[in-house]
N, C-alpha and C. Protein backbone atom coordinates (compact mmCIF):
# COMPACT_ATOMS: atom_id res chain seq x y z
N MET A 1 85.68 92.11 94.37
CA MET A 1 85.75 90.99 93.99
C MET A 1 86.00 90.02 95.84
N GLY A 2 85.60 89.21 96.18
CA GLY A 2 86.08 88.63 97.83
C GLY A 2 86.64 87.64 97.50
N ALA A 3 87.12 87.07 98.88
CA ALA A 3 87.80 85.95 98.28
C ALA A 3 87.10 84.65 99.31
N LYS A 4 87.06 83.53 99.06
CA LYS A 4 87.00 82.26 99.58
C LYS A 4 87.39 82.41 101.01
N GLY A 5 87.11 82.00 102.41
CA GLY A 5 87.79 82.19 103.17
C GLY A 5 87.47 80.53 103.92
N ILE A 6 88.23 79.71 104.19
CA ILE A 6 88.40 78.33 104.91
C ILE A 6 89.20 78.43 105.99
N ARG A 7 88.51 78.18 107.19
CA ARG A 7 89.26 78.36 108.70
C ARG A 7 89.80 76.77 108.95
N LEU A 8 90.90 76.28 109.02
CA LEU A 8 91.60 75.23 109.76
C LEU A 8 91.57 75.51 111.15
N GLU A 9 91.11 74.10 111.99
CA GLU A 9 91.07 74.08 112.96
C GLU A 9 92.16 73.28 113.54
N GLU A 10 91.74 72.13 113.04
CA GLU A 10 92.14 70.99 113.29
C GLU A 10 93.37 69.87 112.50
N PRO A 11 94.42 69.97 112.73
CA PRO A 11 95.46 69.14 112.33
C PRO A 11 95.01 67.81 111.11
N ALA A 12 94.48 67.29 111.68
CA ALA A 12 93.73 66.38 110.70
C ALA A 12 92.97 66.78 109.40
N ASP A 13 92.72 67.92 109.74
CA ASP A 13 92.26 68.57 108.30
C ASP A 13 93.04 69.50 107.01
N VAL A 14 94.02 69.27 107.40
CA VAL A 14 94.85 70.15 106.40
C VAL A 14 94.84 69.68 105.00
N LYS A 15 94.79 68.38 104.97
CA LYS A 15 95.07 67.52 103.43
C LYS A 15 93.87 68.16 102.89
N ASP A 16 92.35 67.81 103.40
CA ASP A 16 91.33 68.66 102.78
C ASP A 16 90.89 70.21 102.43
N ALA A 17 91.62 70.96 103.21
CA ALA A 17 91.37 71.93 103.30
C ALA A 17 92.45 72.93 102.50
N LEU A 18 93.79 72.12 102.33
CA LEU A 18 94.33 72.73 101.37
C LEU A 18 93.36 72.05 99.91
N ALA A 19 93.07 71.02 99.70
CA ALA A 19 93.01 70.37 98.49
C ALA A 19 91.83 71.29 97.87
N GLU A 20 90.94 72.03 98.90
CA GLU A 20 89.76 72.52 97.88
C GLU A 20 89.89 73.92 98.54
N ALA A 21 91.53 74.84 98.58
CA ALA A 21 91.82 75.88 98.47
C ALA A 21 92.53 75.74 97.16
N LEU A 22 93.01 74.79 96.53
CA LEU A 22 93.77 74.41 95.42
C LEU A 22 93.14 74.27 94.60
N SER A 23 91.76 73.68 94.61
CA SER A 23 90.73 73.39 93.48
C SER A 23 89.35 74.73 93.43
N TYR A 24 89.77 75.27 94.08
CA TYR A 24 88.91 76.90 93.90
C TYR A 24 89.27 77.63 93.01
N LYS A 25 88.49 78.35 91.74
CA LYS A 25 88.95 78.98 90.62
C LYS A 25 88.66 79.81 90.59
N ASP A 26 87.68 80.27 91.09
CA ASP A 26 86.59 81.36 91.32
C ASP A 26 87.11 82.62 91.96
N GLY A 27 88.32 82.45 92.09
CA GLY A 27 88.74 83.85 92.87
C GLY A 27 90.59 83.76 93.78
N PRO A 28 90.63 84.68 94.82
CA PRO A 28 91.64 84.08 95.69
C PRO A 28 90.88 83.53 96.98
N VAL A 29 92.01 83.04 97.73
CA VAL A 29 91.46 82.31 98.87
C VAL A 29 92.32 82.30 99.68
N VAL A 30 91.78 82.64 101.17
CA VAL A 30 92.31 82.95 102.00
C VAL A 30 92.17 81.73 103.15
N LEU A 31 93.31 80.75 103.69
CA LEU A 31 93.20 79.69 104.73
C LEU A 31 94.07 80.29 105.63
N ASP A 32 92.84 80.44 106.83
CA ASP A 32 92.67 80.62 108.24
C ASP A 32 93.24 79.57 108.89
N ALA A 33 94.50 79.40 109.90
CA ALA A 33 95.22 78.21 110.28
C ALA A 33 95.37 78.85 111.61
N ILE A 34 95.00 77.77 112.82
CA ILE A 34 95.25 78.04 114.09
C ILE A 34 96.02 77.30 114.50
N VAL A 35 96.52 78.16 114.91
CA VAL A 35 97.85 77.26 115.78
C VAL A 35 98.33 77.00 116.78
N ASP A 36 99.01 76.07 117.79
CA ASP A 36 99.28 76.05 118.90
C ASP A 36 100.61 76.90 118.86
N PRO A 37 100.17 77.78 119.94
CA PRO A 37 101.87 78.55 120.06
C PRO A 37 102.53 77.97 121.13
N PHE A 38 102.51 76.83 121.76
CA PHE A 38 103.57 76.24 121.97
C PHE A 38 104.00 75.27 121.48
N ALA A 39 103.12 74.69 120.57
CA ALA A 39 104.02 73.42 119.25
C ALA A 39 105.52 73.93 118.80
N LEU A 40 106.00 72.97 119.36
CA LEU A 40 107.56 72.82 118.06
C LEU A 40 107.25 72.63 116.87
N SER A 41 108.36 73.31 116.32
CA SER A 41 107.89 73.25 114.52
C SER A 41 109.66 72.54 113.92
N LEU A 42 109.78 71.20 113.60
CA LEU A 42 111.21 70.73 113.62
C LEU A 42 111.30 69.98 112.23
N PRO A 43 112.16 70.56 112.09
CA PRO A 43 112.74 69.90 110.32
C PRO A 43 113.04 68.27 110.34
N SER A 44 113.37 67.51 109.14
CA SER A 44 113.63 66.78 109.24
C SER A 44 114.99 66.18 109.97
N HIS A 45 116.12 66.83 109.31
CA HIS A 45 117.18 67.08 109.51
C HIS A 45 117.35 68.16 111.11
N LEU A 46 117.62 68.24 111.99
CA LEU A 46 117.90 69.03 113.35
C LEU A 46 119.92 69.10 113.28
N PRO A 47 120.12 70.31 112.58
CA PRO A 47 121.77 70.42 112.91
C PRO A 47 122.14 70.66 114.39
N PHE A 48 122.94 70.44 115.08
CA PHE A 48 123.36 70.43 115.89
C PHE A 48 123.44 72.04 116.51
N HIS A 49 123.64 72.76 115.85
CA HIS A 49 123.57 74.00 116.54
C HIS A 49 121.88 74.61 116.89
N SER A 50 120.95 74.06 116.40
CA SER A 50 119.74 74.34 116.51
C SER A 50 119.33 73.43 117.91
N ALA A 51 119.39 72.62 117.87
CA ALA A 51 119.38 71.95 119.15
C ALA A 51 120.27 72.21 120.52
N LYS A 52 121.27 72.77 120.00
CA LYS A 52 122.26 73.60 121.05
C LYS A 52 121.39 74.60 121.59
N GLY A 53 120.63 75.29 120.72
CA GLY A 53 120.04 76.80 121.04
C GLY A 53 118.86 76.87 121.67
N TYR A 54 118.18 75.65 121.31
CA TYR A 54 116.91 74.74 121.79
C TYR A 54 117.39 74.82 123.57
N THR A 55 118.25 74.30 123.48
CA THR A 55 118.59 73.80 124.92
C THR A 55 118.86 75.13 125.93
N LEU A 56 119.77 76.06 125.12
CA LEU A 56 120.17 76.96 126.15
C LEU A 56 118.92 77.74 126.15
N SER A 57 117.63 77.74 125.20
CA SER A 57 116.45 78.72 125.55
C SER A 57 116.05 77.82 126.80
N MET A 58 115.69 76.67 126.70
CA MET A 58 115.22 76.42 127.59
C MET A 58 115.65 76.44 128.72
N ALA A 59 116.92 76.77 128.96
CA ALA A 59 117.91 76.35 130.06
C ALA A 59 117.63 77.60 131.16
N ARG A 60 117.91 78.99 129.51
CA ARG A 60 117.57 80.10 130.32
C ARG A 60 116.19 80.66 130.96
N GLN A 61 114.74 79.95 130.47
CA GLN A 61 113.71 79.64 130.78
C GLN A 61 113.58 79.44 132.74
N VAL A 62 114.06 78.61 132.73
CA VAL A 62 114.14 77.63 133.70
C VAL A 62 115.22 77.96 134.82
N LEU A 63 116.09 79.03 134.50
CA LEU A 63 116.76 79.75 135.38
C LEU A 63 116.17 81.13 135.39
N SER A 64 115.80 81.54 134.36
CA SER A 64 115.19 83.24 135.11
C SER A 64 113.51 83.16 135.56
N GLY A 65 112.89 81.79 136.21
CA GLY A 65 112.06 81.28 137.00
C GLY A 65 110.66 81.38 136.08
N ARG A 66 110.60 81.14 134.62
CA ARG A 66 109.51 80.97 133.83
C ARG A 66 109.39 79.68 133.54
N MET A 67 109.51 78.96 134.76
CA MET A 67 109.22 77.21 134.74
C MET A 67 107.90 76.70 134.23
N ASP A 68 106.69 77.76 134.41
CA ASP A 68 105.75 77.51 134.01
C ASP A 68 105.52 77.39 132.26
N SER A 69 106.20 78.55 131.70
CA SER A 69 105.96 78.30 130.55
C SER A 69 107.00 77.00 129.26
N VAL A 70 107.90 76.42 130.20
CA VAL A 70 108.87 75.45 129.89
C VAL A 70 107.98 74.36 130.19
N ILE A 71 107.07 74.56 131.03
CA ILE A 71 106.15 72.77 131.66
C ILE A 71 105.10 72.90 130.16
N LYS A 72 104.20 73.91 129.74
CA LYS A 72 103.44 74.17 128.93
C LYS A 72 103.83 73.79 127.48
N THR A 73 104.95 74.29 127.14
CA THR A 73 105.74 73.84 126.30
C THR A 73 106.19 72.21 125.90
N ILE A 74 106.08 71.61 127.19
CA ILE A 74 106.39 70.54 127.14
C ILE A 74 105.30 69.78 127.37
N GLU A 75 104.00 70.10 127.68
CA GLU A 75 102.72 69.41 127.83
C GLU A 75 102.21 69.28 126.25
N ARG A 76 102.44 70.44 126.23
CA ARG A 76 101.51 70.55 124.54
C ARG A 76 102.63 69.42 123.50
N ASN A 77 103.59 69.47 123.71
CA ASN A 77 104.47 68.84 122.56
C ASN A 77 104.50 67.55 123.08
N VAL A 78 104.20 67.11 123.97
CA VAL A 78 104.01 65.11 124.39
C VAL A 78 102.02 64.96 124.29
N ARG A 79 101.62 65.92 123.71
CA ARG A 79 100.36 65.93 123.75
C ARG A 79 100.16 65.80 121.99
N LEU A 80 100.86 66.62 121.37
CA LEU A 80 101.02 66.58 119.90
C LEU A 80 101.79 65.09 119.04
N ALA A 81 102.68 65.05 119.70
CA ALA A 81 103.33 63.41 119.40
C ALA A 81 102.70 62.32 119.04
């Protein structure tokens, strides 16, 4: 028995893809979601220690000369906002 495959490439299609997956009754479903590796996932409430850890991580990247990674992260998240 095979599984139904659904590929999700655009954030706007999440609702439809999940509805299709949940309504499929003939077996298992594999939802293949393509994500941006630089996108930040933030909870609705951000505790202080998380903000502190993020800030320290960015500072370490800057100080170690990985400014290109910092710029990519900022660009991608500004674009997604």
